[in-house]
Amino acid sequence: MNKILVICGPTATGKTALAAQFARVFNGELISADSRQVYRGMDLASGKDRPDVPIWLYDVVAPDEEFSVSHWVRLARTAIADIIKRGKLPIIVGGTGLYINALLHPFETIDIPPNKALRKKLYKLSVSDLQKMVTRGDINDSDWNNPRRLIRKIEIKKFQPRRPADLQAFDYLIIGLSASLSVLDTRIDERLKKRLRQGMKEEIMSLLKTYKKELPSMTAIGLNEHAYARRQLTWFKKQTDIHWFDIRSETCADDIELLVRKWYT
């Protein structure tokens, strides 16, 4: 079975640096699993690192282009197939848990395409009108008042006939990087200061001159990184197949490498 290494966890834990190290050790290539880094022009705003190894799924769409978990999974599958075909190890790296979960555990609606005509009609409706078209038990509390989530539910419901996803099973190992909240907060602040020195504010102002701030891609620009890290931790801690490592440990990288070698060989 084809093998995939996954390195995940909250922001500012050094995921990309570690993934690049393992790409060199195990002859691999990286695939970014970050919902913000798919957008062109958002380098500093999304914290894109540029490692000295190949990395896929950076800069794949403009900020005003539609992009979803379904788009990412299709692109990731293509990248994985190409990497494996060339005898290399695909290494998924990122903090968007939904992307990773959808790749490894695809849900039946993953390949249902957007219905642009239907969306155009639904976007004219109020949230209360959209709610009337959705069964309350089919959507969680946070999405109940989110028009984009409601519209997607309606879109899926109206899709006929249902088609099974083109799935492929993988032998995967998931490594999770974490630390205490105080350590994460310090690392986030240090990284933010560095990005500001590099011109993040100017990059954001340039983007806002070109793109509407209401675009889904632009909602990440003003993101509170501390709150973002906590949401990421909440998501990942619910997953049961992640091997967690504390980045504060002096043997963290060595311990992970031993586990990867045992799995990979």
C-alpha atoms as a PDB file:
ATOM      1  CA  MET A   1       0.000   0.000   0.000  1.00  0.00           C
ATOM      2  CA  ASN A   2       1.222   3.509  -0.808  1.00  0.00           C
ATOM      3  CA  LYS A   3       2.725   5.308   2.180  1.00  0.00           C
ATOM      4  CA  ILE A   4       2.069   8.911   3.228  1.00  0.00           C
ATOM      5  CA  LEU A   5       3.721  10.752   6.090  1.00  0.00           C
ATOM      6  CA  VAL A   6       1.643  13.516   7.694  1.00  0.00           C
ATOM      7  CA  ILE A   7       3.051  16.237   9.939  1.00  0.00           C
ATOM      8  CA  CYS A   8       0.359  18.375  11.526  1.00  0.00           C
ATOM      9  CA  GLY A   9      -0.361  20.553  14.533  1.00  0.00           C
ATOM     10  CA  PRO A  10      -1.047  24.171  15.430  1.00  0.00           C
ATOM     11  CA  THR A  11       0.676  27.155  13.884  1.00  0.00           C
ATOM     12  CA  ALA A  12       4.238  28.086  14.899  1.00  0.00           C
ATOM     13  CA  THR A  13       5.329  24.559  15.871  1.00  0.00           C
ATOM     14  CA  GLY A  14       7.948  24.193  13.125  1.00  0.00           C
ATOM     15  CA  LYS A  15       6.005  21.727  10.986  1.00  0.00           C
ATOM     16  CA  THR A  16       7.468  22.767   7.634  1.00  0.00           C
ATOM     17  CA  ALA A  17      11.066  22.783   8.868  1.00  0.00           C
ATOM     18  CA  LEU A  18      10.690  19.277  10.292  1.00  0.00           C
ATOM     19  CA  ALA A  19       8.890  18.042   7.173  1.00  0.00           C
ATOM     20  CA  ALA A  20      11.701  19.428   4.992  1.00  0.00           C
ATOM     21  CA  GLN A  21      14.255  17.631   7.169  1.00  0.00           C
ATOM     22  CA  PHE A  22      12.433  14.328   6.694  1.00  0.00           C
ATOM     23  CA  ALA A  23      12.039  14.981   2.971  1.00  0.00           C
ATOM     24  CA  ARG A  24      15.827  15.085   2.731  1.00  0.00           C
ATOM     25  CA  VAL A  25      16.266  11.989   4.907  1.00  0.00           C
ATOM     26  CA  PHE A  26      13.569   9.838   3.291  1.00  0.00           C
ATOM     27  CA  ASN A  27      13.693  11.173  -0.296  1.00  0.00           C
ATOM     28  CA  GLY A  28      10.337  12.894  -0.047  1.00  0.00           C
ATOM     29  CA  GLU A  29       8.433  15.906  -1.303  1.00  0.00           C
ATOM     30  CA  LEU A  30       6.068  18.128   0.663  1.00  0.00           C
ATOM     31  CA  ILE A  31       2.383  18.830   0.076  1.00  0.00           C
ATOM     32  CA  SER A  32       1.016  21.846   1.944  1.00  0.00           C
ATOM     33  CA  ALA A  33      -2.238  21.261   3.841  1.00  0.00           C
ATOM     34  CA  ASP A  34      -2.996  24.863   4.705  1.00  0.00           C
ATOM     35  CA  SER A  35      -6.224  26.558   3.652  1.00  0.00           C
ATOM     36  CA  ARG A  36      -4.529  29.974   3.528  1.00  0.00           C
ATOM     37  CA  GLN A  37      -1.350  29.071   1.684  1.00  0.00           C
ATOM     38  CA  VAL A  38      -3.179  27.975  -1.457  1.00  0.00           C
ATOM     39  CA  TYR A  39      -3.699  31.653  -2.325  1.00  0.00           C
ATOM     40  CA  ARG A  40      -1.193  33.591  -4.423  1.00  0.00           C
ATOM     41  CA  GLY A  41       0.117  36.839  -3.010  1.00  0.00           C
ATOM     42  CA  MET A  42      -0.427  35.822   0.611  1.00  0.00           C
ATOM     43  CA  ASP A  43       3.115  34.861   1.501  1.00  0.00           C
ATOM     44  CA  LEU A  44       3.743  36.714   4.747  1.00  0.00           C
ATOM     45  CA  ALA A  45       0.050  36.924   5.680  1.00  0.00           C
ATOM     46  CA  SER A  46      -0.257  33.139   5.566  1.00  0.00           C
ATOM     47  CA  GLY A  47       3.212  32.329   6.915  1.00  0.00           C
ATOM     48  CA  LYS A  48       4.545  30.487   3.879  1.00  0.00           C
ATOM     49  CA  ASP A  49       7.954  29.003   4.458  1.00  0.00           C
ATOM     50  CA  ARG A  50      10.069  28.291   1.388  1.00  0.00           C
ATOM     51  CA  PRO A  51      12.074  25.143   2.209  1.00  0.00           C
ATOM     52  CA  ASP A  52      14.900  23.866   0.028  1.00  0.00           C
ATOM     53  CA  VAL A  53      12.838  20.826  -1.011  1.00  0.00           C
ATOM     54  CA  PRO A  54       9.901  20.639  -3.423  1.00  0.00           C
ATOM     55  CA  ILE A  55       6.570  21.698  -1.912  1.00  0.00           C
ATOM     56  CA  TRP A  56       3.211  21.330  -3.643  1.00  0.00           C
ATOM     57  CA  LEU A  57      -0.046  23.303  -3.308  1.00  0.00           C
ATOM     58  CA  TYR A  58       1.390  26.703  -2.538  1.00  0.00           C
ATOM     59  CA  ASP A  59      -0.005  29.533  -4.708  1.00  0.00           C
ATOM     60  CA  VAL A  60      -2.539  27.477  -6.665  1.00  0.00           C
ATOM     61  CA  VAL A  61      -5.366  30.055  -6.947  1.00  0.00           C
ATOM     62  CA  ALA A  62      -5.883  33.809  -6.791  1.00  0.00           C
ATOM     63  CA  PRO A  63      -7.594  35.215  -3.673  1.00  0.00           C
ATOM     64  CA  ASP A  64     -10.820  35.823  -5.612  1.00  0.00           C
ATOM     65  CA  GLU A  65     -11.019  32.288  -7.020  1.00  0.00           C
ATOM     66  CA  GLU A  66     -13.238  29.676  -5.420  1.00  0.00           C
ATOM     67  CA  PHE A  67     -11.403  27.020  -3.441  1.00  0.00           C
ATOM     68  CA  SER A  68     -12.687  24.346  -1.082  1.00  0.00           C
ATOM     69  CA  VAL A  69     -11.628  21.181   0.689  1.00  0.00           C
ATOM     70  CA  SER A  70     -12.828  19.257  -2.357  1.00  0.00           C
ATOM     71  CA  HIS A  71     -10.497  21.235  -4.623  1.00  0.00           C
ATOM     72  CA  TRP A  72      -7.595  20.625  -2.266  1.00  0.00           C
ATOM     73  CA  VAL A  73      -8.197  16.887  -1.999  1.00  0.00           C
ATOM     74  CA  ARG A  74      -8.274  16.507  -5.789  1.00  0.00           C
ATOM     75  CA  LEU A  75      -5.004  18.442  -6.149  1.00  0.00           C
ATOM     76  CA  ALA A  76      -3.423  16.539  -3.274  1.00  0.00           C
ATOM     77  CA  ARG A  77      -4.349  13.185  -4.843  1.00  0.00           C
ATOM     78  CA  THR A  78      -2.709  14.276  -8.094  1.00  0.00           C
ATOM     79  CA  ALA A  79       0.433  15.400  -6.286  1.00  0.00           C
ATOM     80  CA  ILE A  80       0.606  12.188  -4.250  1.00  0.00           C
ATOM     81  CA  ALA A  81       0.281  10.028  -7.361  1.00  0.00           C
ATOM     82  CA  ASP A  82       3.053  11.956  -9.093  1.00  0.00           C
ATOM     83  CA  ILE A  83       5.397  11.788  -6.098  1.00  0.00           C
ATOM     84  CA  ILE A  84       4.828   8.052  -5.587  1.00  0.00           C
ATOM     85  CA  LYS A  85       5.255   7.372  -9.304  1.00  0.00           C
ATOM     86  CA  ARG A  86       8.734   8.865  -9.068  1.00  0.00           C
ATOM     87  CA  GLY A  87       9.614   6.624  -6.119  1.00  0.00           C
ATOM     88  CA  LYS A  88       9.471   9.343  -3.475  1.00  0.00           C
ATOM     89  CA  LEU A  89       7.620   9.725  -0.174  1.00  0.00           C
ATOM     90  CA  PRO A  90       4.694  12.194  -0.065  1.00  0.00           C
ATOM     91  CA  ILE A  91       4.801  14.264   3.133  1.00  0.00           C
ATOM     92  CA  ILE A  92       1.626  16.170   3.963  1.00  0.00           C
ATOM     93  CA  VAL A  93       2.407  19.158   6.170  1.00  0.00           C
ATOM     94  CA  GLY A  94       0.029  21.750   7.570  1.00  0.00           C
ATOM     95  CA  GLY A  95      -2.451  22.881  10.143  1.00  0.00           C
ATOM     96  CA  THR A  96      -5.763  22.600   8.320  1.00  0.00           C
ATOM     97  CA  GLY A  97      -7.150  19.468   9.922  1.00  0.00           C
ATOM     98  CA  LEU A  98     -10.218  19.336   7.695  1.00  0.00           C
ATOM     99  CA  TYR A  99      -8.014  18.992   4.602  1.00  0.00           C
ATOM    100  CA  ILE A 100      -5.945  16.194   6.103  1.00  0.00           C
ATOM    101  CA  ASN A 101      -8.971  14.333   7.424  1.00  0.00           C
ATOM    102  CA  ALA A 102     -10.794  14.595   4.090  1.00  0.00           C
ATOM    103  CA  LEU A 103      -7.787  13.135   2.281  1.00  0.00           C
ATOM    104  CA  LEU A 104      -7.253  10.210   4.643  1.00  0.00           C
ATOM    105  CA  HIS A 105     -10.911   9.601   5.539  1.00  0.00           C
ATOM    106  CA  PRO A 106     -12.935  10.892   2.558  1.00  0.00           C
ATOM    107  CA  PHE A 107     -16.591  11.606   3.210  1.00  0.00           C
ATOM    108  CA  GLU A 108     -19.213  10.692   0.624  1.00  0.00           C
ATOM    109  CA  THR A 109     -19.871  14.309  -0.420  1.00  0.00           C
ATOM    110  CA  ILE A 110     -16.222  15.208  -1.080  1.00  0.00           C
ATOM    111  CA  ASP A 111     -16.587  15.014  -4.871  1.00  0.00           C
ATOM    112  CA  ILE A 112     -19.929  16.798  -5.181  1.00  0.00           C
ATOM    113  CA  PRO A 113     -19.084  19.828  -7.332  1.00  0.00           C
ATOM    114  CA  PRO A 114     -20.259  23.412  -6.712  1.00  0.00           C
ATOM    115  CA  ASN A 115     -23.569  24.353  -8.373  1.00  0.00           C
ATOM    116  CA  LYS A 116     -22.911  27.957  -9.395  1.00  0.00           C
ATOM    117  CA  ALA A 117     -26.451  28.617 -10.641  1.00  0.00           C
ATOM    118  CA  LEU A 118     -27.965  27.341  -7.405  1.00  0.00           C
ATOM    119  CA  ARG A 119     -25.479  29.283  -5.301  1.00  0.00           C
ATOM    120  CA  LYS A 120     -26.302  32.499  -7.130  1.00  0.00           C
ATOM    121  CA  LYS A 121     -29.973  32.093  -6.187  1.00  0.00           C
ATOM    122  CA  LEU A 122     -29.295  31.034  -2.601  1.00  0.00           C
ATOM    123  CA  TYR A 123     -26.913  33.898  -1.840  1.00  0.00           C
ATOM    124  CA  LYS A 124     -29.872  36.261  -2.290  1.00  0.00           C
ATOM    125  CA  LEU A 125     -31.747  34.627   0.588  1.00  0.00           C
ATOM    126  CA  SER A 126     -31.520  35.507   4.255  1.00  0.00           C
ATOM    127  CA  VAL A 127     -29.957  33.176   6.811  1.00  0.00           C
ATOM    128  CA  SER A 128     -33.407  32.373   8.221  1.00  0.00           C
ATOM    129  CA  ASP A 129     -34.666  31.427   4.757  1.00  0.00           C
ATOM    130  CA  LEU A 130     -31.648  29.187   4.212  1.00  0.00           C
ATOM    131  CA  GLN A 131     -32.184  27.545   7.596  1.00  0.00           C
ATOM    132  CA  LYS A 132     -35.700  26.541   6.542  1.00  0.00           C
ATOM    133  CA  MET A 133     -34.166  24.495   3.723  1.00  0.00           C
ATOM    134  CA  VAL A 134     -31.813  22.530   6.008  1.00  0.00           C
ATOM    135  CA  THR A 135     -32.619  19.856   8.564  1.00  0.00           C
ATOM    136  CA  ARG A 136     -31.434  21.201  11.913  1.00  0.00           C
ATOM    137  CA  GLY A 137     -29.838  17.933  12.975  1.00  0.00           C
ATOM    138  CA  ASP A 138     -27.672  17.819   9.845  1.00  0.00           C
ATOM    139  CA  ILE A 139     -25.543  20.822  10.757  1.00  0.00           C
ATOM    140  CA  ASN A 140     -23.581  21.839  13.858  1.00  0.00           C
ATOM    141  CA  ASP A 141     -24.256  24.923  15.958  1.00  0.00           C
ATOM    142  CA  SER A 142     -21.460  27.086  14.563  1.00  0.00           C
ATOM    143  CA  ASP A 143     -22.474  26.399  10.953  1.00  0.00           C
ATOM    144  CA  TRP A 144     -26.200  26.967  11.620  1.00  0.00           C
ATOM    145  CA  ASN A 145     -25.747  30.738  11.255  1.00  0.00           C
ATOM    146  CA  ASN A 146     -23.117  30.582   8.523  1.00  0.00           C
ATOM    147  CA  PRO A 147     -24.741  31.205   5.106  1.00  0.00           C
ATOM    148  CA  ARG A 148     -21.872  29.586   3.174  1.00  0.00           C
ATOM    149  CA  ARG A 149     -22.168  26.380   5.216  1.00  0.00           C
ATOM    150  CA  LEU A 150     -25.949  26.358   4.884  1.00  0.00           C
ATOM    151  CA  ILE A 151     -25.726  26.817   1.118  1.00  0.00           C
ATOM    152  CA  ARG A 152     -23.266  23.943   0.837  1.00  0.00           C
ATOM    153  CA  LYS A 153     -25.659  21.713   2.793  1.00  0.00           C
ATOM    154  CA  ILE A 154     -28.472  22.622   0.414  1.00  0.00           C
ATOM    155  CA  GLU A 155     -26.205  22.081  -2.579  1.00  0.00           C
ATOM    156  CA  ILE A 156     -25.264  18.596  -1.381  1.00  0.00           C
ATOM    157  CA  LYS A 157     -28.898  17.734  -0.668  1.00  0.00           C
ATOM    158  CA  LYS A 158     -29.961  18.687  -4.196  1.00  0.00           C
ATOM    159  CA  PHE A 159     -27.115  16.863  -5.938  1.00  0.00           C
ATOM    160  CA  GLN A 160     -28.480  13.896  -7.889  1.00  0.00           C
ATOM    161  CA  PRO A 161     -27.460  11.247  -8.409  1.00  0.00           C
ATOM    162  CA  ARG A 162     -24.915  10.787  -5.664  1.00  0.00           C
ATOM    163  CA  ARG A 163     -21.629   9.471  -6.956  1.00  0.00           C
ATOM    164  CA  PRO A 164     -19.025   7.642  -4.911  1.00  0.00           C
ATOM    165  CA  ALA A 165     -15.713   9.389  -4.399  1.00  0.00           C
ATOM    166  CA  ASP A 166     -12.743   8.125  -6.363  1.00  0.00           C
ATOM    167  CA  LEU A 167     -10.933   6.939  -3.265  1.00  0.00           C
ATOM    168  CA  GLN A 168      -7.517   5.443  -2.720  1.00  0.00           C
ATOM    169  CA  ALA A 169      -6.373   3.792   0.477  1.00  0.00           C
ATOM    170  CA  PHE A 170      -3.067   4.825   1.995  1.00  0.00           C
ATOM    171  CA  ASP A 171      -0.785   3.490   4.673  1.00  0.00           C
ATOM    172  CA  TYR A 172      -0.244   6.683   6.616  1.00  0.00           C
ATOM    173  CA  LEU A 173       1.561   7.836   9.723  1.00  0.00           C
ATOM    174  CA  ILE A 174       0.428  11.078  11.377  1.00  0.00           C
ATOM    175  CA  ILE A 175       2.892  13.027  13.487  1.00  0.00           C
ATOM    176  CA  GLY A 176       1.478  15.840  15.620  1.00  0.00           C
ATOM    177  CA  LEU A 177       3.654  18.678  16.928  1.00  0.00           C
ATOM    178  CA  SER A 178       2.505  20.573  19.986  1.00  0.00           C
ATOM    179  CA  ALA A 179       3.552  22.551  23.067  1.00  0.00           C
ATOM    180  CA  SER A 180       1.971  24.337  25.985  1.00  0.00           C
ATOM    181  CA  LEU A 181      -0.165  27.370  25.182  1.00  0.00           C
ATOM    182  CA  SER A 182       2.367  29.705  26.764  1.00  0.00           C
ATOM    183  CA  VAL A 183       5.128  28.337  24.527  1.00  0.00           C
ATOM    184  CA  LEU A 184       2.906  28.562  21.450  1.00  0.00           C
ATOM    185  CA  ASP A 185       1.911  32.138  22.262  1.00  0.00           C
ATOM    186  CA  THR A 186       5.562  33.163  22.577  1.00  0.00           C
ATOM    187  CA  ARG A 187       6.494  31.488  19.288  1.00  0.00           C
ATOM    188  CA  ILE A 188       3.499  33.045  17.535  1.00  0.00           C
ATOM    189  CA  ASP A 189       4.458  36.529  18.761  1.00  0.00           C
ATOM    190  CA  GLU A 190       8.066  36.079  17.650  1.00  0.00           C
ATOM    191  CA  ARG A 191       7.038  34.851  14.233  1.00  0.00           C
ATOM    192  CA  LEU A 192       4.535  37.677  13.808  1.00  0.00           C
ATOM    193  CA  LYS A 193       7.181  40.280  14.653  1.00  0.00           C
ATOM    194  CA  LYS A 194       9.488  38.749  12.056  1.00  0.00           C
ATOM    195  CA  ARG A 195       6.785  38.767   9.393  1.00  0.00           C
ATOM    196  CA  LEU A 196       5.949  42.390  10.163  1.00  0.00           C
ATOM    197  CA  ARG A 197       9.617  43.328   9.743  1.00  0.00           C
ATOM    198  CA  GLN A 198       9.608  41.522   6.404  1.00  0.00           C
ATOM    199  CA  GLY A 199       6.669  43.603   5.146  1.00  0.00           C
ATOM    200  CA  MET A 200       3.490  41.733   6.075  1.00  0.00           C
ATOM    201  CA  LYS A 201       1.520  44.947   6.684  1.00  0.00           C
ATOM    202  CA  GLU A 202       2.425  46.253   3.234  1.00  0.00           C
ATOM    203  CA  GLU A 203       1.480  42.913   1.660  1.00  0.00           C
ATOM    204  CA  ILE A 204      -1.926  43.016   3.340  1.00  0.00           C
ATOM    205  CA  MET A 205      -2.582  46.613   2.265  1.00  0.00           C
ATOM    206  CA  SER A 206      -1.711  45.685  -1.311  1.00  0.00           C
ATOM    207  CA  LEU A 207      -4.110  42.744  -1.237  1.00  0.00           C
ATOM    208  CA  LEU A 208      -6.932  44.896   0.142  1.00  0.00           C
ATOM    209  CA  LYS A 209      -6.462  47.333  -2.733  1.00  0.00           C
ATOM    210  CA  THR A 210      -7.067  44.531  -5.221  1.00  0.00           C
ATOM    211  CA  TYR A 211      -9.522  42.179  -3.533  1.00  0.00           C
ATOM    212  CA  LYS A 212     -12.713  42.660  -1.538  1.00  0.00           C
ATOM    213  CA  LYS A 213     -12.231  42.063   2.162  1.00  0.00           C
ATOM    214  CA  GLU A 214     -15.455  39.971   2.219  1.00  0.00           C
ATOM    215  CA  LEU A 215     -13.865  37.212   0.116  1.00  0.00           C
ATOM    216  CA  PRO A 216     -13.390  33.903   1.989  1.00  0.00           C
ATOM    217  CA  SER A 217      -9.660  34.073   1.255  1.00  0.00           C
ATOM    218  CA  MET A 218      -9.381  37.489   2.873  1.00  0.00           C
ATOM    219  CA  THR A 219     -10.947  36.469   6.168  1.00  0.00           C
ATOM    220  CA  ALA A 220      -7.605  34.957   7.190  1.00  0.00           C
ATOM    221  CA  ILE A 221      -5.735  38.253   6.837  1.00  0.00           C
ATOM    222  CA  GLY A 222      -6.823  39.697  10.163  1.00  0.00           C
ATOM    223  CA  LEU A 223      -6.786  36.361  11.894  1.00  0.00           C
ATOM    224  CA  ASN A 224      -5.851  36.247  15.556  1.00  0.00           C
ATOM    225  CA  GLU A 225      -3.045  33.704  15.457  1.00  0.00           C
ATOM    226  CA  HIS A 226      -3.430  32.865  19.146  1.00  0.00           C
ATOM    227  CA  ALA A 227      -7.112  32.013  18.748  1.00  0.00           C
ATOM    228  CA  TYR A 228      -6.306  30.180  15.519  1.00  0.00           C
ATOM    229  CA  ALA A 229      -3.770  27.961  17.287  1.00  0.00           C
ATOM    230  CA  ARG A 230      -6.313  27.082  19.958  1.00  0.00           C
ATOM    231  CA  ARG A 231      -8.919  26.115  17.357  1.00  0.00           C
ATOM    232  CA  GLN A 232      -6.343  23.959  15.614  1.00  0.00           C
ATOM    233  CA  LEU A 233      -5.472  22.209  18.867  1.00  0.00           C
ATOM    234  CA  THR A 234      -9.150  21.589  19.607  1.00  0.00           C
ATOM    235  CA  TRP A 235      -9.601  19.998  16.182  1.00  0.00           C
ATOM    236  CA  PHE A 236      -6.492  17.827  16.257  1.00  0.00           C
ATOM    237  CA  LYS A 237      -6.995  16.638  19.834  1.00  0.00           C
ATOM    238  CA  LYS A 238     -10.265  15.029  18.735  1.00  0.00           C
ATOM    239  CA  GLN A 239      -8.393  12.819  16.262  1.00  0.00           C
ATOM    240  CA  THR A 240      -7.355   9.435  17.595  1.00  0.00           C
ATOM    241  CA  ASP A 241      -4.665   8.404  15.100  1.00  0.00           C
ATOM    242  CA  ILE A 242      -2.078  11.130  15.729  1.00  0.00           C
ATOM    243  CA  HIS A 243       1.266  10.431  17.411  1.00  0.00           C
ATOM    244  CA  TRP A 244       1.959  13.554  19.481  1.00  0.00           C
ATOM    245  CA  PHE A 245       5.378  15.023  20.243  1.00  0.00           C
ATOM    246  CA  ASP A 246       6.259  18.043  22.362  1.00  0.00           C
ATOM    247  CA  ILE A 247       8.527  20.417  20.430  1.00  0.00           C
ATOM    248  CA  ARG A 248      10.191  21.498  23.695  1.00  0.00           C
ATOM    249  CA  SER A 249      11.788  18.073  24.088  1.00  0.00           C
ATOM    250  CA  GLU A 250      15.471  18.001  23.140  1.00  0.00           C
ATOM    251  CA  THR A 251      14.956  14.573  21.559  1.00  0.00           C
ATOM    252  CA  CYS A 252      11.758  15.476  19.704  1.00  0.00           C
ATOM    253  CA  ALA A 253      13.191  15.259  16.167  1.00  0.00           C
ATOM    254  CA  ASP A 254      15.203  12.099  16.937  1.00  0.00           C
ATOM    255  CA  ASP A 255      12.206  10.382  18.536  1.00  0.00           C
ATOM    256  CA  ILE A 256      10.034  11.188  15.543  1.00  0.00           C
ATOM    257  CA  GLU A 257      12.686   9.951  13.111  1.00  0.00           C
ATOM    258  CA  LEU A 258      12.903   6.611  14.930  1.00  0.00           C
ATOM    259  CA  LEU A 259       9.140   6.186  14.659  1.00  0.00           C
ATOM    260  CA  VAL A 260       9.121   7.145  10.975  1.00  0.00           C
ATOM    261  CA  ARG A 261      11.957   4.744  10.170  1.00  0.00           C
ATOM    262  CA  LYS A 262      10.143   1.881  11.901  1.00  0.00           C
ATOM    263  CA  TRP A 263       6.974   2.627   9.936  1.00  0.00           C
ATOM    264  CA  TYR A 264       8.626   3.349   6.591  1.00  0.00           C
ATOM    265  CA  THR A 265      10.955   0.365   6.369  1.00  0.00           C
END
